[in-house]
Amino acid sequence: MMSRQRSYNPTVLLSKTVYLQRIQEAVIDGYRHYVLGSVPLEKAPGLVRKFKDFYLAHLDKNARYRRKAAGLGNARLLLRFNEEQEIDFALLVSPGEHPAHQLEKLGDVRRTPLAFREFELVLLTLKGREKPGLTWRLSAPTMESWRQRLHLYTAHYNRLELFRAWHSLYRVPGFAGIRRQIGELVVYWRAEWKQHRHDAPCPLAYPHNDLQYRPRPGVHKGKDGMYWTVKGFPTSAQLPKLFYVRKQSSVGQSLTSLLRDRKEGRC
């Protein structure tokens, strides 16, 4: 008598940074073909069943290894519960014979960057490295939007929006490519400040506990709750810290548990 096959109940990640990290790791492992999307939470079980039955996305690493040794492709499925309370999904497929290559319109990271919201996964040669490596960066439209916002807030000396800009800018995931772009935006912002605001004090926001690790001379907290420079745009020593992305565990919740909590009004 055949044993009953266990149901596929994948983990739904809760962190955007971890989701991006797992995608990056899968692509580095050779899963360079992809399709990304999002579905309402209640439709996620049907999507998962499809990817299990058609693409064997439930297989463990040992089964995937045997298929790879036989020249067959494999599929991996990543899920995330997003800000809109829907499910983001990433189906990542390796080269080799696999039904997803015929049934899905798969992208290929060698030809087009893998894009997720305002981020894209690209090959970049970073400072201190001889060979390019895969990293996340902000898309070109996102960078242009940031430059427009920084110019507008600076030119009009919109203190609240300037504070919010610092708050948002230094809470993006600190992947190497993004860190380089944040540096570029700060250089642009400093030039805008010099042109429009000169020596006017600049409001600042710091990530949680940042000031406990490294005090900033010449920065004080105002009665409005914002941090301020004494004079002009912050120096390099006064800038907030954009923390590196380190290896993080796949903290999440099983899909069935998430559905149950949603039904009971607990999420």
C-alpha atoms as a PDB file:
ATOM      1  CA  MET A   1       0.000   0.000   0.000  1.00  0.00           C
ATOM      2  CA  MET A   2       1.406   3.376  -1.012  1.00  0.00           C
ATOM      3  CA  SER A   3       2.113   5.854   1.773  1.00  0.00           C
ATOM      4  CA  ARG A   4       0.107   9.025   1.736  1.00  0.00           C
ATOM      5  CA  GLN A   5       2.051  11.947   0.288  1.00  0.00           C
ATOM      6  CA  ARG A   6       2.514  14.846   2.655  1.00  0.00           C
ATOM      7  CA  SER A   7       0.817  18.070   1.657  1.00  0.00           C
ATOM      8  CA  TYR A   8       2.957  20.992   0.594  1.00  0.00           C
ATOM      9  CA  ASN A   9       2.667  23.786   3.158  1.00  0.00           C
ATOM     10  CA  PRO A  10       5.429  26.297   2.320  1.00  0.00           C
ATOM     11  CA  THR A  11       6.691  29.029   4.606  1.00  0.00           C
ATOM     12  CA  VAL A  12       5.490  32.533   3.818  1.00  0.00           C
ATOM     13  CA  LEU A  13       8.240  35.040   4.551  1.00  0.00           C
ATOM     14  CA  LEU A  14       7.304  38.189   6.448  1.00  0.00           C
ATOM     15  CA  SER A  15      10.401  40.328   5.729  1.00  0.00           C
ATOM     16  CA  LYS A  16      11.038  42.046   2.404  1.00  0.00           C
ATOM     17  CA  THR A  17      14.793  41.947   3.009  1.00  0.00           C
ATOM     18  CA  VAL A  18      14.773  38.188   3.637  1.00  0.00           C
ATOM     19  CA  TYR A  19      12.621  37.640   0.538  1.00  0.00           C
ATOM     20  CA  LEU A  20      15.123  39.572  -1.577  1.00  0.00           C
ATOM     21  CA  GLN A  21      17.989  37.661   0.026  1.00  0.00           C
ATOM     22  CA  ARG A  22      16.423  34.256  -0.716  1.00  0.00           C
ATOM     23  CA  ILE A  23      15.832  35.257  -4.358  1.00  0.00           C
ATOM     24  CA  GLN A  24      19.443  36.414  -4.668  1.00  0.00           C
ATOM     25  CA  GLU A  25      20.730  33.148  -3.196  1.00  0.00           C
ATOM     26  CA  ALA A  26      18.574  31.044  -5.523  1.00  0.00           C
ATOM     27  CA  VAL A  27      19.819  32.903  -8.605  1.00  0.00           C
ATOM     28  CA  ILE A  28      23.423  32.486  -7.445  1.00  0.00           C
ATOM     29  CA  ASP A  29      22.677  28.737  -7.096  1.00  0.00           C
ATOM     30  CA  GLY A  30      21.751  28.630 -10.783  1.00  0.00           C
ATOM     31  CA  TYR A  31      17.995  29.295 -10.755  1.00  0.00           C
ATOM     32  CA  ARG A  32      18.332  32.032 -13.326  1.00  0.00           C
ATOM     33  CA  HIS A  33      14.896  31.713 -14.983  1.00  0.00           C
ATOM     34  CA  TYR A  34      12.041  33.370 -13.151  1.00  0.00           C
ATOM     35  CA  VAL A  35       8.489  34.591 -13.000  1.00  0.00           C
ATOM     36  CA  LEU A  36       7.310  36.938 -10.243  1.00  0.00           C
ATOM     37  CA  GLY A  37       3.879  38.126  -9.251  1.00  0.00           C
ATOM     38  CA  SER A  38       1.359  38.525  -6.471  1.00  0.00           C
ATOM     39  CA  VAL A  39      -2.023  36.972  -5.689  1.00  0.00           C
ATOM     40  CA  PRO A  40      -4.701  37.534  -3.047  1.00  0.00           C
ATOM     41  CA  LEU A  41      -4.026  35.461   0.056  1.00  0.00           C
ATOM     42  CA  GLU A  42      -7.106  33.289  -0.464  1.00  0.00           C
ATOM     43  CA  LYS A  43      -5.856  32.278  -3.939  1.00  0.00           C
ATOM     44  CA  ALA A  44      -2.386  31.314  -2.728  1.00  0.00           C
ATOM     45  CA  PRO A  45      -3.283  27.641  -1.958  1.00  0.00           C
ATOM     46  CA  GLY A  46      -4.346  27.102  -5.573  1.00  0.00           C
ATOM     47  CA  LEU A  47      -1.135  28.697  -6.835  1.00  0.00           C
ATOM     48  CA  VAL A  48       0.940  26.526  -4.511  1.00  0.00           C
ATOM     49  CA  ARG A  49      -0.857  23.364  -5.649  1.00  0.00           C
ATOM     50  CA  LYS A  50      -0.202  24.279  -9.281  1.00  0.00           C
ATOM     51  CA  PHE A  51       3.510  24.847  -8.675  1.00  0.00           C
ATOM     52  CA  LYS A  52       3.727  21.600  -6.709  1.00  0.00           C
ATOM     53  CA  ASP A  53       1.843  19.420  -9.197  1.00  0.00           C
ATOM     54  CA  PHE A  54       3.184  20.887 -12.421  1.00  0.00           C
ATOM     55  CA  TYR A  55       6.665  22.075 -11.431  1.00  0.00           C
ATOM     56  CA  LEU A  56       7.607  19.930  -8.387  1.00  0.00           C
ATOM     57  CA  ALA A  57       8.402  23.054  -6.381  1.00  0.00           C
ATOM     58  CA  HIS A  58       8.026  21.042  -3.157  1.00  0.00           C
ATOM     59  CA  LEU A  59      11.046  18.788  -3.719  1.00  0.00           C
ATOM     60  CA  ASP A  60      13.792  18.863  -1.093  1.00  0.00           C
ATOM     61  CA  LYS A  61      17.443  19.489  -1.874  1.00  0.00           C
ATOM     62  CA  ASN A  62      18.259  15.774  -2.208  1.00  0.00           C
ATOM     63  CA  ALA A  63      15.556  15.213  -4.814  1.00  0.00           C
ATOM     64  CA  ARG A  64      16.626  18.367  -6.655  1.00  0.00           C
ATOM     65  CA  TYR A  65      20.221  17.127  -6.658  1.00  0.00           C
ATOM     66  CA  ARG A  66      19.199  13.821  -8.252  1.00  0.00           C
ATOM     67  CA  ARG A  67      17.199  15.613 -10.930  1.00  0.00           C
ATOM     68  CA  LYS A  68      20.098  17.939 -11.674  1.00  0.00           C
ATOM     69  CA  ALA A  69      22.460  14.963 -11.994  1.00  0.00           C
ATOM     70  CA  ALA A  70      20.044  13.501 -14.560  1.00  0.00           C
ATOM     71  CA  GLY A  71      20.135  16.717 -16.596  1.00  0.00           C
ATOM     72  CA  LEU A  72      16.706  17.890 -15.474  1.00  0.00           C
ATOM     73  CA  GLY A  73      15.741  21.341 -14.296  1.00  0.00           C
ATOM     74  CA  ASN A  74      14.357  22.209 -10.880  1.00  0.00           C
ATOM     75  CA  ALA A  75      11.965  24.819  -9.504  1.00  0.00           C
ATOM     76  CA  ARG A  76      11.948  26.687  -6.220  1.00  0.00           C
ATOM     77  CA  LEU A  77       9.066  28.721  -4.885  1.00  0.00           C
ATOM     78  CA  LEU A  78       9.403  31.697  -2.547  1.00  0.00           C
ATOM     79  CA  LEU A  79       6.439  33.410  -0.912  1.00  0.00           C
ATOM     80  CA  ARG A  80       6.064  36.664   1.019  1.00  0.00           C
ATOM     81  CA  PHE A  81       3.124  38.270   2.831  1.00  0.00           C
ATOM     82  CA  ASN A  82       3.320  41.832   1.561  1.00  0.00           C
ATOM     83  CA  GLU A  83       2.184  45.252   2.758  1.00  0.00           C
ATOM     84  CA  GLU A  84      -1.099  44.954   0.848  1.00  0.00           C
ATOM     85  CA  GLN A  85      -1.827  41.703   2.705  1.00  0.00           C
ATOM     86  CA  GLU A  86      -1.383  39.715  -0.484  1.00  0.00           C
ATOM     87  CA  ILE A  87       1.153  37.038  -1.381  1.00  0.00           C
ATOM     88  CA  ASP A  88       4.216  37.906  -3.446  1.00  0.00           C
ATOM     89  CA  PHE A  89       5.631  34.852  -5.195  1.00  0.00           C
ATOM     90  CA  ALA A  90       8.826  34.077  -7.041  1.00  0.00           C
ATOM     91  CA  LEU A  91       9.066  30.889  -9.115  1.00  0.00           C
ATOM     92  CA  LEU A  92      12.738  30.306  -9.891  1.00  0.00           C
ATOM     93  CA  VAL A  93      13.766  27.611 -12.368  1.00  0.00           C
ATOM     94  CA  SER A  94      17.169  26.169 -13.218  1.00  0.00           C
ATOM     95  CA  PRO A  95      18.357  25.202 -16.733  1.00  0.00           C
ATOM     96  CA  GLY A  96      17.499  21.729 -17.973  1.00  0.00           C
ATOM     97  CA  GLU A  97      14.371  19.934 -19.060  1.00  0.00           C
ATOM     98  CA  HIS A  98      11.475  21.278 -17.002  1.00  0.00           C
ATOM     99  CA  PRO A  99       7.793  21.959 -17.828  1.00  0.00           C
ATOM    100  CA  ALA A 100       7.977  25.548 -16.570  1.00  0.00           C
ATOM    101  CA  HIS A 101      10.172  26.403 -19.556  1.00  0.00           C
ATOM    102  CA  GLN A 102       7.243  25.553 -21.846  1.00  0.00           C
ATOM    103  CA  LEU A 103       4.282  26.625 -19.698  1.00  0.00           C
ATOM    104  CA  GLU A 104       5.499  29.915 -18.199  1.00  0.00           C
ATOM    105  CA  LYS A 105       6.874  33.108 -19.715  1.00  0.00           C
ATOM    106  CA  LEU A 106      10.122  32.971 -17.817  1.00  0.00           C
ATOM    107  CA  GLY A 107      12.604  35.808 -17.657  1.00  0.00           C
ATOM    108  CA  ASP A 108      16.347  35.160 -17.713  1.00  0.00           C
ATOM    109  CA  VAL A 109      18.634  37.171 -15.434  1.00  0.00           C
ATOM    110  CA  ARG A 110      21.375  36.987 -18.083  1.00  0.00           C
ATOM    111  CA  ARG A 111      19.228  39.083 -20.429  1.00  0.00           C
ATOM    112  CA  THR A 112      17.047  41.279 -18.235  1.00  0.00           C
ATOM    113  CA  PRO A 113      17.387  42.282 -14.581  1.00  0.00           C
ATOM    114  CA  LEU A 114      15.061  40.475 -12.202  1.00  0.00           C
ATOM    115  CA  ALA A 115      12.798  43.281 -10.977  1.00  0.00           C
ATOM    116  CA  PHE A 116      10.769  43.283  -7.769  1.00  0.00           C
ATOM    117  CA  ARG A 117       8.920  46.491  -6.969  1.00  0.00           C
ATOM    118  CA  GLU A 118      11.520  49.295  -6.763  1.00  0.00           C
ATOM    119  CA  PHE A 119      14.455  46.864  -6.759  1.00  0.00           C
ATOM    120  CA  GLU A 120      16.312  44.946  -9.456  1.00  0.00           C
ATOM    121  CA  LEU A 121      18.862  42.140  -9.224  1.00  0.00           C
ATOM    122  CA  VAL A 122      21.889  42.860 -11.422  1.00  0.00           C
ATOM    123  CA  LEU A 123      25.536  41.991 -11.950  1.00  0.00           C
ATOM    124  CA  LEU A 124      27.777  44.788 -10.665  1.00  0.00           C
ATOM    125  CA  THR A 125      31.491  45.102 -10.093  1.00  0.00           C
ATOM    126  CA  LEU A 126      31.697  46.652  -6.650  1.00  0.00           C
ATOM    127  CA  LYS A 127      34.539  48.593  -5.060  1.00  0.00           C
ATOM    128  CA  GLY A 128      37.417  46.346  -4.025  1.00  0.00           C
ATOM    129  CA  ARG A 129      36.306  43.425  -6.197  1.00  0.00           C
ATOM    130  CA  GLU A 130      37.728  42.269  -9.500  1.00  0.00           C
ATOM    131  CA  LYS A 131      34.721  40.315 -10.767  1.00  0.00           C
ATOM    132  CA  PRO A 132      31.063  41.336 -10.959  1.00  0.00           C
ATOM    133  CA  GLY A 133      28.635  39.835  -8.479  1.00  0.00           C
ATOM    134  CA  LEU A 134      24.868  39.678  -8.118  1.00  0.00           C
ATOM    135  CA  THR A 135      23.376  42.367  -5.929  1.00  0.00           C
ATOM    136  CA  TRP A 136      20.169  44.326  -5.566  1.00  0.00           C
ATOM    137  CA  ARG A 137      19.956  47.963  -6.568  1.00  0.00           C
ATOM    138  CA  LEU A 138      17.212  50.571  -6.897  1.00  0.00           C
ATOM    139  CA  SER A 139      15.703  50.830 -10.368  1.00  0.00           C
ATOM    140  CA  ALA A 140      16.448  53.837 -12.577  1.00  0.00           C
ATOM    141  CA  PRO A 141      12.906  55.294 -12.178  1.00  0.00           C
ATOM    142  CA  THR A 142      13.216  54.945  -8.391  1.00  0.00           C
ATOM    143  CA  MET A 143      16.537  56.790  -8.392  1.00  0.00           C
ATOM    144  CA  GLU A 144      15.102  59.575 -10.542  1.00  0.00           C
ATOM    145  CA  SER A 145      12.101  59.845  -8.235  1.00  0.00           C
ATOM    146  CA  TRP A 146      14.450  60.193  -5.265  1.00  0.00           C
ATOM    147  CA  ARG A 147      16.419  62.966  -6.972  1.00  0.00           C
ATOM    148  CA  GLN A 148      13.219  64.870  -7.741  1.00  0.00           C
ATOM    149  CA  ARG A 149      11.979  64.523  -4.162  1.00  0.00           C
ATOM    150  CA  LEU A 150      15.286  65.650  -2.659  1.00  0.00           C
ATOM    151  CA  HIS A 151      15.442  68.667  -4.973  1.00  0.00           C
ATOM    152  CA  LEU A 152      11.855  69.674  -4.209  1.00  0.00           C
ATOM    153  CA  TYR A 153      12.104  69.295  -0.425  1.00  0.00           C
ATOM    154  CA  THR A 154      15.434  71.114  -0.331  1.00  0.00           C
ATOM    155  CA  ALA A 155      14.401  73.998  -2.602  1.00  0.00           C
ATOM    156  CA  HIS A 156      11.247  74.631  -0.513  1.00  0.00           C
ATOM    157  CA  TYR A 157      12.950  73.840   2.814  1.00  0.00           C
ATOM    158  CA  ASN A 158      10.144  71.455   3.699  1.00  0.00           C
ATOM    159  CA  ARG A 159      11.456  70.394   7.093  1.00  0.00           C
ATOM    160  CA  LEU A 160       9.009  67.566   7.719  1.00  0.00           C
ATOM    161  CA  GLU A 161       9.542  66.000   4.300  1.00  0.00           C
ATOM    162  CA  LEU A 162      13.311  66.411   4.633  1.00  0.00           C
ATOM    163  CA  PHE A 163      13.119  64.507   7.922  1.00  0.00           C
ATOM    164  CA  ARG A 164      10.968  61.815   6.322  1.00  0.00           C
ATOM    165  CA  ALA A 165      13.375  61.525   3.394  1.00  0.00           C
ATOM    166  CA  TRP A 166      16.260  60.712   5.740  1.00  0.00           C
ATOM    167  CA  HIS A 167      14.017  58.254   7.565  1.00  0.00           C
ATOM    168  CA  SER A 168      13.096  56.422   4.341  1.00  0.00           C
ATOM    169  CA  LEU A 169      16.457  56.619   2.615  1.00  0.00           C
ATOM    170  CA  TYR A 170      18.358  54.913   5.418  1.00  0.00           C
ATOM    171  CA  ARG A 171      15.817  52.144   5.962  1.00  0.00           C
ATOM    172  CA  VAL A 172      16.131  50.541   2.537  1.00  0.00           C
ATOM    173  CA  PRO A 173      17.686  47.051   2.513  1.00  0.00           C
ATOM    174  CA  GLY A 174      21.454  47.529   2.737  1.00  0.00           C
ATOM    175  CA  PHE A 175      22.560  45.364  -0.178  1.00  0.00           C
ATOM    176  CA  ALA A 176      25.877  46.395  -1.701  1.00  0.00           C
ATOM    177  CA  GLY A 177      24.396  47.866  -4.880  1.00  0.00           C
ATOM    178  CA  ILE A 178      21.816  49.870  -2.925  1.00  0.00           C
ATOM    179  CA  ARG A 179      24.431  51.145  -0.492  1.00  0.00           C
ATOM    180  CA  ARG A 180      26.427  52.556  -3.403  1.00  0.00           C
ATOM    181  CA  GLN A 181      23.318  54.287  -4.757  1.00  0.00           C
ATOM    182  CA  ILE A 182      22.484  55.832  -1.396  1.00  0.00           C
ATOM    183  CA  GLY A 183      25.975  57.311  -1.381  1.00  0.00           C
ATOM    184  CA  GLU A 184      25.330  58.767  -4.850  1.00  0.00           C
ATOM    185  CA  LEU A 185      22.039  60.284  -3.697  1.00  0.00           C
ATOM    186  CA  VAL A 186      23.708  61.878  -0.676  1.00  0.00           C
ATOM    187  CA  VAL A 187      26.339  63.464  -2.944  1.00  0.00           C
ATOM    188  CA  TYR A 188      23.533  64.841  -5.121  1.00  0.00           C
ATOM    189  CA  TRP A 189      21.596  66.041  -2.072  1.00  0.00           C
ATOM    190  CA  ARG A 190      24.640  67.810  -0.630  1.00  0.00           C
ATOM    191  CA  ALA A 191      25.102  69.752  -3.893  1.00  0.00           C
ATOM    192  CA  GLU A 192      21.402  70.699  -3.893  1.00  0.00           C
ATOM    193  CA  TRP A 193      21.675  71.899  -0.297  1.00  0.00           C
ATOM    194  CA  LYS A 194      24.737  74.001  -1.049  1.00  0.00           C
ATOM    195  CA  GLN A 195      22.927  75.648  -3.972  1.00  0.00           C
ATOM    196  CA  HIS A 196      19.550  76.296  -2.327  1.00  0.00           C
ATOM    197  CA  ARG A 197      19.990  76.269   1.462  1.00  0.00           C
ATOM    198  CA  HIS A 198      23.662  77.138   2.039  1.00  0.00           C
ATOM    199  CA  ASP A 199      24.296  77.066   5.830  1.00  0.00           C
ATOM    200  CA  ALA A 200      20.685  76.487   6.946  1.00  0.00           C
ATOM    201  CA  PRO A 201      20.414  73.705   9.554  1.00  0.00           C
ATOM    202  CA  CYS A 202      19.335  70.357   8.136  1.00  0.00           C
ATOM    203  CA  PRO A 203      16.824  68.070   9.873  1.00  0.00           C
ATOM    204  CA  LEU A 204      17.906  64.437  10.224  1.00  0.00           C
ATOM    205  CA  ALA A 205      16.483  61.038  11.129  1.00  0.00           C
ATOM    206  CA  TYR A 206      18.557  58.082  12.315  1.00  0.00           C
ATOM    207  CA  PRO A 207      17.785  54.354  12.224  1.00  0.00           C
ATOM    208  CA  HIS A 208      16.877  52.684  15.503  1.00  0.00           C
ATOM    209  CA  ASN A 209      19.795  52.614  17.980  1.00  0.00           C
ATOM    210  CA  ASP A 210      22.161  54.199  15.450  1.00  0.00           C
ATOM    211  CA  LEU A 211      23.154  57.031  17.781  1.00  0.00           C
ATOM    212  CA  GLN A 212      23.825  54.583  20.618  1.00  0.00           C
ATOM    213  CA  TYR A 213      26.521  52.894  18.540  1.00  0.00           C
ATOM    214  CA  ARG A 214      28.095  56.064  17.139  1.00  0.00           C
ATOM    215  CA  PRO A 215      27.336  59.537  18.571  1.00  0.00           C
ATOM    216  CA  ARG A 216      27.258  62.386  16.044  1.00  0.00           C
ATOM    217  CA  PRO A 217      29.108  65.547  17.149  1.00  0.00           C
ATOM    218  CA  GLY A 218      27.374  68.734  16.077  1.00  0.00           C
ATOM    219  CA  VAL A 219      23.920  67.124  15.916  1.00  0.00           C
ATOM    220  CA  HIS A 220      21.233  67.876  18.500  1.00  0.00           C
ATOM    221  CA  LYS A 221      17.642  66.830  19.051  1.00  0.00           C
ATOM    222  CA  GLY A 222      15.109  69.635  18.741  1.00  0.00           C
ATOM    223  CA  LYS A 223      11.841  70.119  20.597  1.00  0.00           C
ATOM    224  CA  ASP A 224      10.078  68.902  17.441  1.00  0.00           C
ATOM    225  CA  GLY A 225      11.649  65.443  17.916  1.00  0.00           C
ATOM    226  CA  MET A 226      13.863  65.806  14.852  1.00  0.00           C
ATOM    227  CA  TYR A 227      17.650  65.810  14.901  1.00  0.00           C
ATOM    228  CA  TRP A 228      19.338  68.912  13.500  1.00  0.00           C
ATOM    229  CA  THR A 229      22.768  69.949  12.348  1.00  0.00           C
ATOM    230  CA  VAL A 230      24.082  73.195  13.790  1.00  0.00           C
ATOM    231  CA  LYS A 231      24.999  74.445  10.353  1.00  0.00           C
ATOM    232  CA  GLY A 232      24.417  73.253   6.809  1.00  0.00           C
ATOM    233  CA  PHE A 233      24.162  69.768   5.326  1.00  0.00           C
ATOM    234  CA  PRO A 234      25.488  66.969   7.565  1.00  0.00           C
ATOM    235  CA  THR A 235      29.138  66.058   7.226  1.00  0.00           C
ATOM    236  CA  SER A 236      30.201  62.512   6.471  1.00  0.00           C
ATOM    237  CA  ALA A 237      30.695  61.927  10.208  1.00  0.00           C
ATOM    238  CA  GLN A 238      27.133  63.092  10.918  1.00  0.00           C
ATOM    239  CA  LEU A 239      25.349  60.946   8.330  1.00  0.00           C
ATOM    240  CA  PRO A 240      23.080  58.084   9.409  1.00  0.00           C
ATOM    241  CA  LYS A 241      24.323  54.506   9.111  1.00  0.00           C
ATOM    242  CA  LEU A 242      22.927  52.205   6.437  1.00  0.00           C
ATOM    243  CA  PHE A 243      23.503  48.780   7.904  1.00  0.00           C
ATOM    244  CA  TYR A 244      24.786  45.925   5.772  1.00  0.00           C
ATOM    245  CA  VAL A 245      22.439  43.064   4.951  1.00  0.00           C
ATOM    246  CA  ARG A 246      23.720  40.010   6.769  1.00  0.00           C
ATOM    247  CA  LYS A 247      22.582  36.425   6.368  1.00  0.00           C
ATOM    248  CA  GLN A 248      19.152  36.174   7.968  1.00  0.00           C
ATOM    249  CA  SER A 249      17.011  33.167   8.775  1.00  0.00           C
ATOM    250  CA  SER A 250      13.811  32.540   6.863  1.00  0.00           C
ATOM    251  CA  VAL A 251      11.446  33.772   9.551  1.00  0.00           C
ATOM    252  CA  GLY A 252       7.874  33.336   8.460  1.00  0.00           C
ATOM    253  CA  GLN A 253       4.639  31.462   8.895  1.00  0.00           C
ATOM    254  CA  SER A 254       3.231  28.415   7.147  1.00  0.00           C
ATOM    255  CA  LEU A 255       0.651  29.210   4.505  1.00  0.00           C
ATOM    256  CA  THR A 256      -2.127  27.268   6.267  1.00  0.00           C
ATOM    257  CA  SER A 257      -1.365  29.032   9.557  1.00  0.00           C
ATOM    258  CA  LEU A 258      -1.415  32.438   7.859  1.00  0.00           C
ATOM    259  CA  LEU A 259      -4.754  31.656   6.230  1.00  0.00           C
ATOM    260  CA  ARG A 260      -6.192  30.522   9.547  1.00  0.00           C
ATOM    261  CA  ASP A 261      -5.006  33.661  11.336  1.00  0.00           C
ATOM    262  CA  ARG A 262      -6.461  35.845   8.598  1.00  0.00           C
ATOM    263  CA  LYS A 263      -9.788  34.049   8.825  1.00  0.00           C
ATOM    264  CA  GLU A 264      -9.851  34.567  12.590  1.00  0.00           C
ATOM    265  CA  GLY A 265      -8.890  38.235  12.217  1.00  0.00           C
ATOM    266  CA  ARG A 266      -5.435  37.936  13.770  1.00  0.00           C
ATOM    267  CA  CYS A 267      -3.501  39.456  10.872  1.00  0.00           C
END
